[in-house]
C-alpha atoms as a PDB file:
ATOM      1  CA  MET A   1     -11.572 -87.678  31.086  1.00  0.00           C
ATOM      2  CA  ARG A   2     -10.913 -90.493  33.664  1.00  0.00           C
ATOM      3  CA  MET A   3      -7.145 -90.061  33.707  1.00  0.00           C
ATOM      4  CA  TRP A   4      -7.935 -86.252  34.362  1.00  0.00           C
ATOM      5  CA  ASN A   5     -10.343 -87.127  37.388  1.00  0.00           C
ATOM      6  CA  ARG A   6      -7.563 -89.390  38.926  1.00  0.00           C
ATOM      7  CA  ILE A   7      -5.233 -86.937  38.901  1.00  0.00           C
ATOM      8  CA  LEU A   8      -7.327 -84.157  40.041  1.00  0.00           C
ATOM      9  CA  TRP A   9      -8.482 -86.460  42.993  1.00  0.00           C
ATOM     10  CA  ILE A  10      -4.610 -86.906  43.778  1.00  0.00           C
ATOM     11  CA  VAL A  11      -4.458 -82.988  43.991  1.00  0.00           C
ATOM     12  CA  LEU A  12      -7.520 -82.401  45.764  1.00  0.00           C
ATOM     13  CA  LEU A  13      -7.248 -85.332  48.494  1.00  0.00           C
ATOM     14  CA  PHE A  14      -3.556 -85.799  49.023  1.00  0.00           C
ATOM     15  CA  PRO A  15      -2.845 -82.286  50.252  1.00  0.00           C
ATOM     16  CA  GLY A  16      -5.798 -82.250  52.075  1.00  0.00           C
ATOM     17  CA  PHE A  17      -4.601 -85.286  53.959  1.00  0.00           C
ATOM     18  CA  THR A  18      -1.188 -84.171  54.896  1.00  0.00           C
ATOM     19  CA  ALA A  19      -2.424 -80.568  55.853  1.00  0.00           C
ATOM     20  CA  MET A  20      -5.076 -79.578  58.447  1.00  0.00           C
ATOM     21  CA  GLY A  21      -8.851 -80.033  57.242  1.00  0.00           C
ATOM     22  CA  GLN A  22     -11.072 -77.706  56.076  1.00  0.00           C
ATOM     23  CA  ASP A  23     -14.995 -77.846  56.657  1.00  0.00           C
ATOM     24  CA  HIS A  24     -17.520 -77.526  53.804  1.00  0.00           C
ATOM     25  CA  VAL A  25     -19.903 -75.051  53.374  1.00  0.00           C
ATOM     26  CA  TYR A  26     -23.437 -75.133  52.113  1.00  0.00           C
ATOM     27  CA  SER A  27     -24.791 -72.663  49.364  1.00  0.00           C
ATOM     28  CA  GLN A  28     -28.326 -73.145  50.943  1.00  0.00           C
ATOM     29  CA  PHE A  29     -26.770 -71.819  54.451  1.00  0.00           C
ATOM     30  CA  PHE A  30     -30.286 -70.825  55.547  1.00  0.00           C
ATOM     31  CA  ASN A  31     -31.540 -74.189  55.217  1.00  0.00           C
ATOM     32  CA  ALA A  32     -29.046 -75.527  57.574  1.00  0.00           C
ATOM     33  CA  PRO A  33     -29.419 -73.144  60.437  1.00  0.00           C
ATOM     34  CA  ILE A  34     -27.809 -74.829  63.209  1.00  0.00           C
ATOM     35  CA  TYR A  35     -24.578 -75.815  61.195  1.00  0.00           C
ATOM     36  CA  LEU A  36     -24.562 -72.144  60.081  1.00  0.00           C
ATOM     37  CA  ASN A  37     -24.771 -71.085  63.858  1.00  0.00           C
ATOM     38  CA  PRO A  38     -25.666 -72.682  67.155  1.00  0.00           C
ATOM     39  CA  ALA A  39     -27.182 -69.129  68.259  1.00  0.00           C
ATOM     40  CA  LEU A  40     -30.180 -69.989  66.022  1.00  0.00           C
ATOM     41  CA  THR A  41     -31.362 -73.106  67.879  1.00  0.00           C
ATOM     42  CA  GLY A  42     -34.796 -72.979  68.507  1.00  0.00           C
ATOM     43  CA  GLN A  43     -34.921 -69.759  66.698  1.00  0.00           C
ATOM     44  CA  PHE A  44     -37.949 -70.275  64.394  1.00  0.00           C
ATOM     45  CA  GLU A  45     -41.631 -69.904  64.184  1.00  0.00           C
ATOM     46  CA  GLY A  46     -43.056 -72.928  66.003  1.00  0.00           C
ATOM     47  CA  ASP A  47     -42.202 -75.471  68.568  1.00  0.00           C
ATOM     48  CA  ILE A  48     -40.226 -78.075  66.801  1.00  0.00           C
ATOM     49  CA  ARG A  49     -38.460 -78.056  63.750  1.00  0.00           C
ATOM     50  CA  MET A  50     -36.453 -80.326  61.646  1.00  0.00           C
ATOM     51  CA  ASN A  51     -34.015 -80.003  58.569  1.00  0.00           C
ATOM     52  CA  LEU A  52     -32.248 -82.054  56.095  1.00  0.00           C
ATOM     53  CA  ILE A  53     -29.654 -81.102  53.721  1.00  0.00           C
ATOM     54  CA  TYR A  54     -27.472 -82.722  51.049  1.00  0.00           C
ATOM     55  CA  ARG A  55     -24.632 -81.620  49.002  1.00  0.00           C
ATOM     56  CA  ASN A  56     -23.135 -83.256  46.077  1.00  0.00           C
ATOM     57  CA  GLN A  57     -20.106 -81.438  45.163  1.00  0.00           C
ATOM     58  CA  TRP A  58     -18.444 -81.843  41.598  1.00  0.00           C
ATOM     59  CA  SER A  59     -20.562 -84.447  40.381  1.00  0.00           C
ATOM     60  CA  ALA A  60     -18.575 -85.243  37.212  1.00  0.00           C
ATOM     61  CA  LEU A  61     -15.570 -86.446  39.295  1.00  0.00           C
ATOM     62  CA  SER A  62     -15.242 -89.951  39.631  1.00  0.00           C
ATOM     63  CA  GLY A  63     -14.666 -89.875  43.428  1.00  0.00           C
ATOM     64  CA  ASP A  64     -17.442 -89.057  46.180  1.00  0.00           C
ATOM     65  CA  LEU A  65     -17.464 -85.760  47.494  1.00  0.00           C
ATOM     66  CA  SER A  66     -20.830 -85.292  49.497  1.00  0.00           C
ATOM     67  CA  TYR A  67     -22.152 -83.764  52.432  1.00  0.00           C
ATOM     68  CA  ILE A  68     -25.244 -84.177  54.622  1.00  0.00           C
ATOM     69  CA  SER A  69     -26.496 -82.510  57.606  1.00  0.00           C
ATOM     70  CA  ALA A  70     -29.764 -83.398  59.438  1.00  0.00           C
ATOM     71  CA  SER A  71     -30.950 -81.622  62.608  1.00  0.00           C
ATOM     72  CA  ALA A  72     -34.126 -81.310  64.921  1.00  0.00           C
ATOM     73  CA  ASP A  73     -34.411 -78.510  67.708  1.00  0.00           C
ATOM     74  CA  VAL A  74     -37.203 -77.165  70.041  1.00  0.00           C
ATOM     75  CA  ASN A  75     -38.062 -73.916  70.951  1.00  0.00           C
ATOM     76  CA  ILE A  76     -38.735 -73.712  74.600  1.00  0.00           C
ATOM     77  CA  PRO A  77     -39.872 -70.086  75.617  1.00  0.00           C
ATOM     78  CA  ASN A  78     -39.750 -70.832  79.130  1.00  0.00           C
ATOM     79  CA  PHE A  79     -36.212 -72.353  78.983  1.00  0.00           C
ATOM     80  CA  GLY A  80     -35.328 -68.824  77.347  1.00  0.00           C
ATOM     81  CA  GLY A  81     -34.327 -70.281  74.265  1.00  0.00           C
ATOM     82  CA  GLY A  82     -34.242 -73.813  72.421  1.00  0.00           C
ATOM     83  CA  VAL A  83     -32.165 -77.106  72.366  1.00  0.00           C
ATOM     84  CA  GLY A  84     -31.393 -79.225  69.524  1.00  0.00           C
ATOM     85  CA  LEU A  85     -29.386 -82.262  68.182  1.00  0.00           C
ATOM     86  CA  MET A  86     -27.356 -82.152  64.763  1.00  0.00           C
ATOM     87  CA  PHE A  87     -25.886 -84.816  62.664  1.00  0.00           C
ATOM     88  CA  THR A  88     -23.174 -83.863  59.844  1.00  0.00           C
ATOM     89  CA  ARG A  89     -21.479 -86.614  57.898  1.00  0.00           C
ATOM     90  CA  SER A  90     -18.996 -85.604  54.883  1.00  0.00           C
ATOM     91  CA  SER A  91     -17.151 -88.351  52.305  1.00  0.00           C
ATOM     92  CA  GLU A  92     -14.341 -86.823  50.437  1.00  0.00           C
ATOM     93  CA  GLY A  93     -12.269 -88.513  47.625  1.00  0.00           C
ATOM     94  CA  THR A  94     -11.747 -91.973  46.451  1.00  0.00           C
ATOM     95  CA  ALA A  95      -9.948 -92.987  49.622  1.00  0.00           C
ATOM     96  CA  TYR A  96     -13.450 -92.234  51.293  1.00  0.00           C
ATOM     97  CA  LEU A  97     -11.926 -89.996  53.915  1.00  0.00           C
ATOM     98  CA  THR A  98     -15.249 -89.577  55.939  1.00  0.00           C
ATOM     99  CA  LYS A  99     -16.366 -87.517  59.032  1.00  0.00           C
ATOM    100  CA  ASN A 100     -19.290 -88.142  61.016  1.00  0.00           C
ATOM    101  CA  ASN A 101     -20.232 -85.668  63.886  1.00  0.00           C
ATOM    102  CA  ILE A 102     -22.911 -85.486  66.398  1.00  0.00           C
ATOM    103  CA  SER A 103     -23.579 -82.664  68.783  1.00  0.00           C
ATOM    104  CA  ALA A 104     -26.037 -81.217  71.103  1.00  0.00           C
ATOM    105  CA  ASN A 105     -26.955 -77.415  70.888  1.00  0.00           C
ATOM    106  CA  TYR A 106     -28.407 -74.913  73.289  1.00  0.00           C
ATOM    107  CA  ALA A 107     -29.240 -71.158  72.535  1.00  0.00           C
ATOM    108  CA  TYR A 108     -30.593 -68.537  74.975  1.00  0.00           C
ATOM    109  CA  SER A 109     -32.267 -65.326  73.886  1.00  0.00           C
ATOM    110  CA  VAL A 110     -32.759 -61.935  75.207  1.00  0.00           C
ATOM    111  CA  GLY A 111     -34.633 -58.925  74.133  1.00  0.00           C
ATOM    112  CA  GLY A 112     -38.018 -57.630  72.993  1.00  0.00           C
ATOM    113  CA  GLU A 113     -39.831 -56.893  69.625  1.00  0.00           C
ATOM    114  CA  ASP A 114     -37.766 -54.645  67.917  1.00  0.00           C
ATOM    115  CA  LEU A 115     -34.070 -56.379  69.388  1.00  0.00           C
ATOM    116  CA  VAL A 116     -33.500 -60.051  70.134  1.00  0.00           C
ATOM    117  CA  VAL A 117     -29.798 -61.104  70.941  1.00  0.00           C
ATOM    118  CA  SER A 118     -29.322 -65.008  71.242  1.00  0.00           C
ATOM    119  CA  PHE A 119     -26.053 -66.813  72.422  1.00  0.00           C
ATOM    120  CA  GLY A 120     -25.534 -70.480  71.160  1.00  0.00           C
ATOM    121  CA  ILE A 121     -23.337 -73.235  72.410  1.00  0.00           C
ATOM    122  CA  GLN A 122     -22.235 -76.632  70.749  1.00  0.00           C
ATOM    123  CA  ALA A 123     -20.585 -79.678  71.991  1.00  0.00           C
ATOM    124  CA  GLY A 124     -20.352 -83.088  70.362  1.00  0.00           C
ATOM    125  CA  VAL A 125     -18.237 -85.937  69.250  1.00  0.00           C
ATOM    126  CA  ALA A 126     -16.598 -86.473  65.495  1.00  0.00           C
ATOM    127  CA  ASN A 127     -15.401 -89.863  63.984  1.00  0.00           C
ATOM    128  CA  ARG A 128     -12.659 -89.686  61.328  1.00  0.00           C
ATOM    129  CA  THR A 129     -12.221 -92.823  59.083  1.00  0.00           C
ATOM    130  CA  ILE A 130     -10.039 -93.015  55.808  1.00  0.00           C
ATOM    131  CA  ASP A 131      -9.338 -96.242  53.542  1.00  0.00           C
ATOM    132  CA  TRP A 132      -5.574 -96.459  53.019  1.00  0.00           C
ATOM    133  CA  SER A 133      -5.532 -98.665  50.406  1.00  0.00           C
ATOM    134  CA  LYS A 134      -7.190 -96.138  48.051  1.00  0.00           C
ATOM    135  CA  LEU A 135      -4.622 -93.449  48.511  1.00  0.00           C
ATOM    136  CA  VAL A 136      -2.299 -92.430  45.614  1.00  0.00           C
ATOM    137  CA  PHE A 137       1.250 -91.578  46.608  1.00  0.00           C
ATOM    138  CA  SER A 138       4.079 -89.975  44.436  1.00  0.00           C
ATOM    139  CA  ASP A 139       5.714 -93.126  43.464  1.00  0.00           C
ATOM    140  CA  GLN A 140       2.727 -94.262  41.878  1.00  0.00           C
ATOM    141  CA  ILE A 141       2.800 -91.249  39.423  1.00  0.00           C
ATOM    142  CA  ASP A 142       4.792 -90.965  36.181  1.00  0.00           C
ATOM    143  CA  MET A 143       5.900 -87.882  35.104  1.00  0.00           C
ATOM    144  CA  ASN A 144       4.807 -88.466  31.845  1.00  0.00           C
ATOM    145  CA  LEU A 145       1.857 -90.659  32.158  1.00  0.00           C
ATOM    146  CA  GLY A 146       0.351 -89.809  35.250  1.00  0.00           C
ATOM    147  CA  TYR A 147      -1.029 -92.258  37.738  1.00  0.00           C
ATOM    148  CA  ILE A 148       0.180 -95.917  36.899  1.00  0.00           C
ATOM    149  CA  PRO A 149      -2.746 -98.436  37.180  1.00  0.00           C
ATOM    150  CA  GLY A 150      -2.479-101.374  39.433  1.00  0.00           C
ATOM    151  CA  SER A 151       0.671 -99.729  41.135  1.00  0.00           C
ATOM    152  CA  ILE A 152       1.352-100.362  44.846  1.00  0.00           C
ATOM    153  CA  SER A 153       3.119 -97.814  46.680  1.00  0.00           C
ATOM    154  CA  SER A 154       6.241 -98.439  49.123  1.00  0.00           C
ATOM    155  CA  ALA A 155       4.995 -96.025  51.806  1.00  0.00           C
ATOM    156  CA  PRO A 156       3.915 -97.660  54.711  1.00  0.00           C
ATOM    157  CA  ALA A 157       0.348 -97.117  55.848  1.00  0.00           C
ATOM    158  CA  PRO A 158      -0.213 -96.050  59.380  1.00  0.00           C
ATOM    159  CA  GLU A 159      -2.056 -98.499  61.557  1.00  0.00           C
ATOM    160  CA  GLN A 160      -4.769 -96.076  62.626  1.00  0.00           C
ATOM    161  CA  SER A 161      -7.518 -95.701  60.399  1.00  0.00           C
ATOM    162  CA  ASN A 162     -10.382 -94.354  62.660  1.00  0.00           C
ATOM    163  CA  ARG A 163     -10.260 -91.460  65.255  1.00  0.00           C
ATOM    164  CA  PHE A 164     -12.689 -90.017  67.743  1.00  0.00           C
ATOM    165  CA  TYR A 165     -12.559 -86.874  69.616  1.00  0.00           C
ATOM    166  CA  PHE A 166     -14.482 -84.111  71.256  1.00  0.00           C
ATOM    167  CA  ASP A 167     -15.557 -80.851  69.031  1.00  0.00           C
ATOM    168  CA  ALA A 168     -17.236 -77.640  70.504  1.00  0.00           C
ATOM    169  CA  GLY A 169     -18.374 -74.325  69.049  1.00  0.00           C
ATOM    170  CA  THR A 170     -20.196 -71.077  69.859  1.00  0.00           C
ATOM    171  CA  GLY A 171     -22.160 -68.459  68.487  1.00  0.00           C
ATOM    172  CA  ILE A 172     -24.180 -65.081  68.492  1.00  0.00           C
ATOM    173  CA  ASN A 173     -27.118 -63.827  66.776  1.00  0.00           C
ATOM    174  CA  VAL A 174     -28.630 -60.390  66.576  1.00  0.00           C
ATOM    175  CA  VAL A 175     -31.797 -59.128  65.025  1.00  0.00           C
ATOM    176  CA  TYR A 176     -32.376 -55.409  65.119  1.00  0.00           C
ATOM    177  CA  LYS A 177     -35.571 -54.297  63.335  1.00  0.00           C
ATOM    178  CA  ASN A 178     -34.825 -55.307  59.689  1.00  0.00           C
ATOM    179  CA  LEU A 179     -31.142 -56.256  60.048  1.00  0.00           C
ATOM    180  CA  MET A 180     -29.518 -59.411  61.297  1.00  0.00           C
ATOM    181  CA  VAL A 181     -26.067 -60.141  62.010  1.00  0.00           C
ATOM    182  CA  GLY A 182     -24.200 -63.161  63.443  1.00  0.00           C
ATOM    183  CA  GLY A 183     -20.953 -64.625  64.390  1.00  0.00           C
ATOM    184  CA  THR A 184     -19.732 -67.951  65.036  1.00  0.00           C
ATOM    185  CA  VAL A 185     -16.716 -69.936  66.203  1.00  0.00           C
ATOM    186  CA  ALA A 186     -16.451 -73.745  65.398  1.00  0.00           C
ATOM    187  CA  HIS A 187     -13.926 -76.092  66.770  1.00  0.00           C
ATOM    188  CA  VAL A 188     -12.877 -73.811  69.849  1.00  0.00           C
ATOM    189  CA  ASN A 189     -10.874 -76.827  71.198  1.00  0.00           C
ATOM    190  CA  LYS A 190      -9.108 -77.329  67.938  1.00  0.00           C
ATOM    191  CA  PRO A 191      -9.212 -81.117  68.005  1.00  0.00           C
ATOM    192  CA  ASP A 192      -6.411 -83.184  66.933  1.00  0.00           C
ATOM    193  CA  GLU A 193      -7.450 -85.339  63.787  1.00  0.00           C
ATOM    194  CA  SER A 194      -4.159 -87.065  63.070  1.00  0.00           C
ATOM    195  CA  PHE A 195      -4.083 -90.608  61.892  1.00  0.00           C
ATOM    196  CA  THR A 196      -0.496 -90.810  62.172  1.00  0.00           C
ATOM    197  CA  GLY A 197       0.505 -89.587  65.865  1.00  0.00           C
ATOM    198  CA  VAL A 198       1.873 -86.369  64.221  1.00  0.00           C
ATOM    199  CA  GLN A 199      -0.233 -83.667  65.401  1.00  0.00           C
ATOM    200  CA  ALA A 200      -2.814 -82.136  62.835  1.00  0.00           C
ATOM    201  CA  LYS A 201      -5.259 -79.817  65.002  1.00  0.00           C
ATOM    202  CA  LEU A 202      -8.627 -78.780  63.152  1.00  0.00           C
ATOM    203  CA  PRO A 203      -8.220 -75.058  62.644  1.00  0.00           C
ATOM    204  CA  MET A 204     -11.004 -73.090  64.472  1.00  0.00           C
ATOM    205  CA  ARG A 205     -13.630 -71.866  61.678  1.00  0.00           C
ATOM    206  CA  PHE A 206     -15.000 -68.495  61.942  1.00  0.00           C
ATOM    207  CA  ILE A 207     -18.121 -67.422  60.347  1.00  0.00           C
ATOM    208  CA  GLY A 208     -19.831 -64.139  60.045  1.00  0.00           C
ATOM    209  CA  ASN A 209     -23.113 -63.295  58.385  1.00  0.00           C
ATOM    210  CA  ALA A 210     -25.337 -60.406  57.867  1.00  0.00           C
ATOM    211  CA  SER A 211     -28.799 -60.072  56.276  1.00  0.00           C
ATOM    212  CA  TYR A 212     -31.175 -57.148  55.508  1.00  0.00           C
ATOM    213  CA  ARG A 213     -34.989 -57.191  54.902  1.00  0.00           C
ATOM    214  CA  ILE A 214     -36.480 -54.594  52.545  1.00  0.00           C
ATOM    215  CA  ASN A 215     -40.137 -54.451  52.027  1.00  0.00           C
ATOM    216  CA  LEU A 216     -40.885 -53.859  48.522  1.00  0.00           C
ATOM    217  CA  ILE A 217     -44.439 -52.910  49.278  1.00  0.00           C
ATOM    218  CA  ALA A 218     -45.591 -51.011  52.378  1.00  0.00           C
ATOM    219  CA  SER A 219     -47.722 -53.036  54.876  1.00  0.00           C
ATOM    220  CA  ASP A 220     -49.649 -51.907  57.614  1.00  0.00           C
ATOM    221  CA  THR A 221     -48.306 -55.037  59.452  1.00  0.00           C
ATOM    222  CA  TYR A 222     -45.252 -54.913  61.052  1.00  0.00           C
ATOM    223  CA  GLY A 223     -43.109 -58.062  60.211  1.00  0.00           C
ATOM    224  CA  SER A 224     -45.987 -59.434  57.657  1.00  0.00           C
ATOM    225  CA  GLU A 225     -44.909 -62.657  55.899  1.00  0.00           C
ATOM    226  CA  ASP A 226     -46.837 -61.837  52.835  1.00  0.00           C
ATOM    227  CA  GLY A 227     -44.136 -59.956  51.110  1.00  0.00           C
ATOM    228  CA  PRO A 228     -42.899 -59.422  48.642  1.00  0.00           C
ATOM    229  CA  PHE A 229     -39.516 -58.570  50.285  1.00  0.00           C
ATOM    230  CA  LEU A 230     -35.768 -58.569  48.938  1.00  0.00           C
ATOM    231  CA  ILE A 231     -33.260 -59.987  51.391  1.00  0.00           C
ATOM    232  CA  PRO A 232     -29.523 -59.154  50.422  1.00  0.00           C
ATOM    233  CA  SER A 233     -26.968 -61.173  52.440  1.00  0.00           C
ATOM    234  CA  VAL A 234     -23.374 -61.850  52.569  1.00  0.00           C
ATOM    235  CA  VAL A 235     -21.781 -64.756  54.592  1.00  0.00           C
ATOM    236  CA  TYR A 236     -17.966 -65.048  55.233  1.00  0.00           C
ATOM    237  CA  TYR A 237     -16.151 -68.101  56.078  1.00  0.00           C
ATOM    238  CA  LYS A 238     -12.633 -68.039  57.395  1.00  0.00           C
ATOM    239  CA  GLN A 239     -10.543 -71.284  58.295  1.00  0.00           C
ATOM    240  CA  ALA A 240      -6.703 -71.282  58.758  1.00  0.00           C
ATOM    241  CA  ALA A 241      -5.495 -70.202  55.413  1.00  0.00           C
ATOM    242  CA  ALA A 242      -8.627 -70.920  53.538  1.00  0.00           C
ATOM    243  CA  SER A 243     -11.486 -68.362  53.094  1.00  0.00           C
ATOM    244  CA  SER A 244     -14.900 -67.813  51.341  1.00  0.00           C
ATOM    245  CA  LEU A 245     -17.040 -65.077  50.606  1.00  0.00           C
ATOM    246  CA  SER A 246     -20.703 -65.391  49.546  1.00  0.00           C
ATOM    247  CA  MET A 247     -23.039 -62.404  48.294  1.00  0.00           C
ATOM    248  CA  GLY A 248     -26.001 -62.375  47.169  1.00  0.00           C
ATOM    249  CA  ALA A 249     -30.189 -61.757  47.736  1.00  0.00           C
ATOM    250  CA  GLN A 250     -33.314 -63.448  48.246  1.00  0.00           C
ATOM    251  CA  PHE A 251     -36.614 -62.532  46.660  1.00  0.00           C
ATOM    252  CA  LYS A 252     -39.058 -63.804  49.096  1.00  0.00           C
ATOM    253  CA  TRP A 253     -42.968 -63.534  48.376  1.00  0.00           C
ATOM    254  CA  ARG A 254     -45.400 -65.940  50.337  1.00  0.00           C
ATOM    255  CA  GLY A 255     -44.568 -69.307  49.647  1.00  0.00           C
ATOM    256  CA  LEU A 256     -41.747 -68.770  47.119  1.00  0.00           C
ATOM    257  CA  ASN A 257     -38.096 -67.839  48.010  1.00  0.00           C
ATOM    258  CA  THR A 258     -35.561 -67.486  45.039  1.00  0.00           C
ATOM    259  CA  GLY A 259     -32.182 -66.354  45.262  1.00  0.00           C
ATOM    260  CA  LEU A 260     -28.865 -65.435  43.346  1.00  0.00           C
ATOM    261  CA  TRP A 261     -25.523 -65.645  44.690  1.00  0.00           C
ATOM    262  CA  TYR A 262     -21.845 -65.055  43.851  1.00  0.00           C
ATOM    263  CA  ARG A 263     -18.949 -66.741  45.884  1.00  0.00           C
ATOM    264  CA  SER A 264     -15.366 -66.062  45.763  1.00  0.00           C
ATOM    265  CA  ASN A 265     -12.228 -68.131  47.115  1.00  0.00           C
ATOM    266  CA  SER A 266      -9.387 -67.680  49.365  1.00  0.00           C
ATOM    267  CA  GLN A 267      -7.480 -65.595  46.733  1.00  0.00           C
ATOM    268  CA  GLY A 268     -10.478 -63.224  46.159  1.00  0.00           C
ATOM    269  CA  ASP A 269     -10.799 -65.009  42.711  1.00  0.00           C
ATOM    270  CA  LYS A 270     -14.527 -65.997  41.406  1.00  0.00           C
ATOM    271  CA  ASP A 271     -15.413 -69.496  42.640  1.00  0.00           C
ATOM    272  CA  ALA A 272     -19.254 -70.209  41.688  1.00  0.00           C
ATOM    273  CA  ILE A 273     -22.304 -68.668  40.755  1.00  0.00           C
ATOM    274  CA  VAL A 274     -25.423 -70.039  42.916  1.00  0.00           C
ATOM    275  CA  VAL A 275     -29.339 -70.065  41.910  1.00  0.00           C
ATOM    276  CA  SER A 276     -31.681 -71.366  44.619  1.00  0.00           C
ATOM    277  CA  PHE A 277     -35.457 -72.089  44.687  1.00  0.00           C
ATOM    278  CA  ILE A 278     -37.312 -72.658  47.906  1.00  0.00           C
ATOM    279  CA  PHE A 279     -40.760 -73.580  48.346  1.00  0.00           C
ATOM    280  CA  ASP A 280     -42.720 -73.159  51.590  1.00  0.00           C
ATOM    281  CA  ILE A 281     -45.844 -75.604  51.508  1.00  0.00           C
ATOM    282  CA  PHE A 282     -48.914 -75.466  54.013  1.00  0.00           C
ATOM    283  CA  LYS A 283     -47.707 -72.174  55.322  1.00  0.00           C
ATOM    284  CA  GLY A 284     -50.370 -70.165  57.314  1.00  0.00           C
ATOM    285  CA  SER A 285     -52.287 -73.227  58.640  1.00  0.00           C
ATOM    286  CA  ARG A 286     -53.309 -72.438  62.264  1.00  0.00           C
ATOM    287  CA  ASN A 287     -50.878 -74.587  63.882  1.00  0.00           C
ATOM    288  CA  GLY A 288     -48.084 -73.056  61.923  1.00  0.00           C
ATOM    289  CA  GLU A 289     -47.001 -75.955  60.145  1.00  0.00           C
ATOM    290  CA  LYS A 290     -44.913 -75.404  57.224  1.00  0.00           C
ATOM    291  CA  LEU A 291     -42.921 -77.789  54.797  1.00  0.00           C
ATOM    292  CA  ARG A 292     -40.073 -76.510  52.954  1.00  0.00           C
ATOM    293  CA  LEU A 293     -38.535 -77.746  49.909  1.00  0.00           C
ATOM    294  CA  GLY A 294     -35.195 -76.476  48.504  1.00  0.00           C
ATOM    295  CA  ILE A 295     -32.890 -76.865  45.550  1.00  0.00           C
ATOM    296  CA  SER A 296     -29.840 -74.921  44.495  1.00  0.00           C
ATOM    297  CA  HIS A 297     -27.082 -75.406  41.873  1.00  0.00           C
ATOM    298  CA  ASP A 298     -23.467 -73.962  41.922  1.00  0.00           C
ATOM    299  CA  ALA A 299     -22.051 -73.326  38.587  1.00  0.00           C
ATOM    300  CA  THR A 300     -18.011 -73.408  39.133  1.00  0.00           C
ATOM    301  CA  THR A 301     -16.507 -70.598  37.596  1.00  0.00           C
ATOM    302  CA  SER A 302     -13.098 -71.078  39.163  1.00  0.00           C
ATOM    303  CA  LYS A 303      -9.900 -72.227  37.029  1.00  0.00           C
ATOM    304  CA  ILE A 304     -11.520 -75.874  37.393  1.00  0.00           C
ATOM    305  CA  ASN A 305     -14.371 -74.658  35.449  1.00  0.00           C
ATOM    306  CA  TYR A 306     -17.771 -75.973  35.047  1.00  0.00           C
ATOM    307  CA  THR A 307     -16.876 -78.596  32.189  1.00  0.00           C
ATOM    308  CA  ASN A 308     -14.736 -80.754  34.467  1.00  0.00           C
ATOM    309  CA  THR A 309     -16.868 -80.498  37.410  1.00  0.00           C
ATOM    310  CA  SER A 310     -20.645 -79.890  36.327  1.00  0.00           C
ATOM    311  CA  GLY A 311     -20.985 -77.753  39.330  1.00  0.00           C
ATOM    312  CA  SER A 312     -22.700 -78.948  42.737  1.00  0.00           C
ATOM    313  CA  THR A 313     -26.064 -79.539  43.701  1.00  0.00           C
ATOM    314  CA  GLU A 314     -27.941 -79.032  46.827  1.00  0.00           C
ATOM    315  CA  ALA A 315     -31.347 -80.309  48.088  1.00  0.00           C
ATOM    316  CA  SER A 316     -32.943 -79.477  51.218  1.00  0.00           C
ATOM    317  CA  ILE A 317     -36.263 -80.255  53.380  1.00  0.00           C
ATOM    318  CA  GLY A 318     -37.488 -78.699  56.574  1.00  0.00           C
ATOM    319  CA  TYR A 319     -40.394 -79.197  58.705  1.00  0.00           C
ATOM    320  CA  GLU A 320     -41.819 -77.008  61.546  1.00  0.00           C
ATOM    321  CA  LYS A 321     -45.243 -76.706  63.532  1.00  0.00           C
ATOM    322  CA  TYR A 322     -46.499 -75.521  66.878  1.00  0.00           C
ATOM    323  CA  PHE A 323     -47.669 -78.435  69.440  1.00  0.00           C
ATOM    324  CA  GLN A 324     -51.407 -78.718  70.145  1.00  0.00           C
ATOM    325  CA  ASN A 325     -52.645 -75.437  72.308  1.00  0.00           C
ATOM    326  CA  SER A 326     -48.986 -74.205  71.987  1.00  0.00           C
ATOM    327  CA  SER A 327     -48.497 -70.893  74.217  1.00  0.00           C
ATOM    328  CA  GLY A 328     -45.977 -69.745  71.868  1.00  0.00           C
ATOM    329  CA  TYR A 329     -48.136 -69.235  68.638  1.00  0.00           C
ATOM    330  CA  ASN A 330     -48.070 -65.729  67.180  1.00  0.00           C
ATOM    331  CA  LYS A 331     -45.923 -64.711  70.669  1.00  0.00           C
ATOM    332  CA  PHE A 332     -43.826 -62.103  68.711  1.00  0.00           C
ATOM    333  CA  ASN A 333     -44.873 -59.073  66.523  1.00  0.00           C
ATOM    334  CA  GLY A 334     -41.525 -57.906  65.694  1.00  0.00           C
ATOM    335  CA  LEU A 335     -38.883 -59.403  63.153  1.00  0.00           C
ATOM    336  CA  ARG A 336     -37.066 -62.768  64.159  1.00  0.00           C
ATOM    337  CA  CYS A 337     -34.098 -64.695  62.464  1.00  0.00           C
ATOM    338  CA  TYR A 338     -36.447 -66.926  60.475  1.00  0.00           C
ATOM    339  CA  ASP A 339     -38.094 -63.745  58.868  1.00  0.00           C
ATOM    340  CA  PHE A 340     -34.590 -63.370  57.000  1.00  0.00           C
ATOM    341  CA  TYR A 341     -34.887 -66.830  55.157  1.00  0.00           C
END
């Protein structure tokens, strides 16, 4: 198994190093709203919101493949939207290819009770590093035995192992009655991530998402939060030649939100089945305070298979509330984006 893990990391990491990088995606996309779309900044039921999500991908492998995003945003009605900060970190492979990104977000919303259109922008700085001594090259691999333990490659390591660059993105989100549709373009400036001096631009990432909220029991109160609701959703990711499509639905009732998802890969083949459980605590208090705890698991269904990877697990925590004597409490009667997750 250790030999298989070593060879698999060579296949996964080395092509990713020489080619253009790809961004990670979260199965709990609804618990990383600013990462999904900067237009969702400040779009929540409260004055302040904080989110943290962690993903451990393919935990059976010996190398690290983990991702974390932390964000805080503030809803400012007099400002026409919200502002926020987001920090994202990724660590990939036995060479610890890491990327840290910190960005500022702003969103502006227009509309009324039945229709809200939000526009968002994101701008930040990213730092990318790698440990060259941990990389495996072709002259360290025997055709019959695989990786040769203790071997040293004759390939010269580039002098640079640390790079900073500016990164920017934009997005739009529309809520019309029971329907929400959004679109995002990340890395609009296509920053150069190269360590070697040979240009390696990070491709733009395109995201499209749509959700529809179905009231399972008729309610006299429009936009009632008691439920129960069924919320089918679809999220599509496209970055260079890589793409991913997630389809599924959430069942939402009071403080419980559970979901089942199917995800396909770039070739349209099956990739994973995802199960998620979300619990909202303190919901309904006078100051709008809510603590959200989430857990999900991806069961790998691709050719790599679940036996080799043990799947992927995500954990998330979110907190939001109104400030004392807030003028925004219960301001709207119509649906908003946060009603879809």
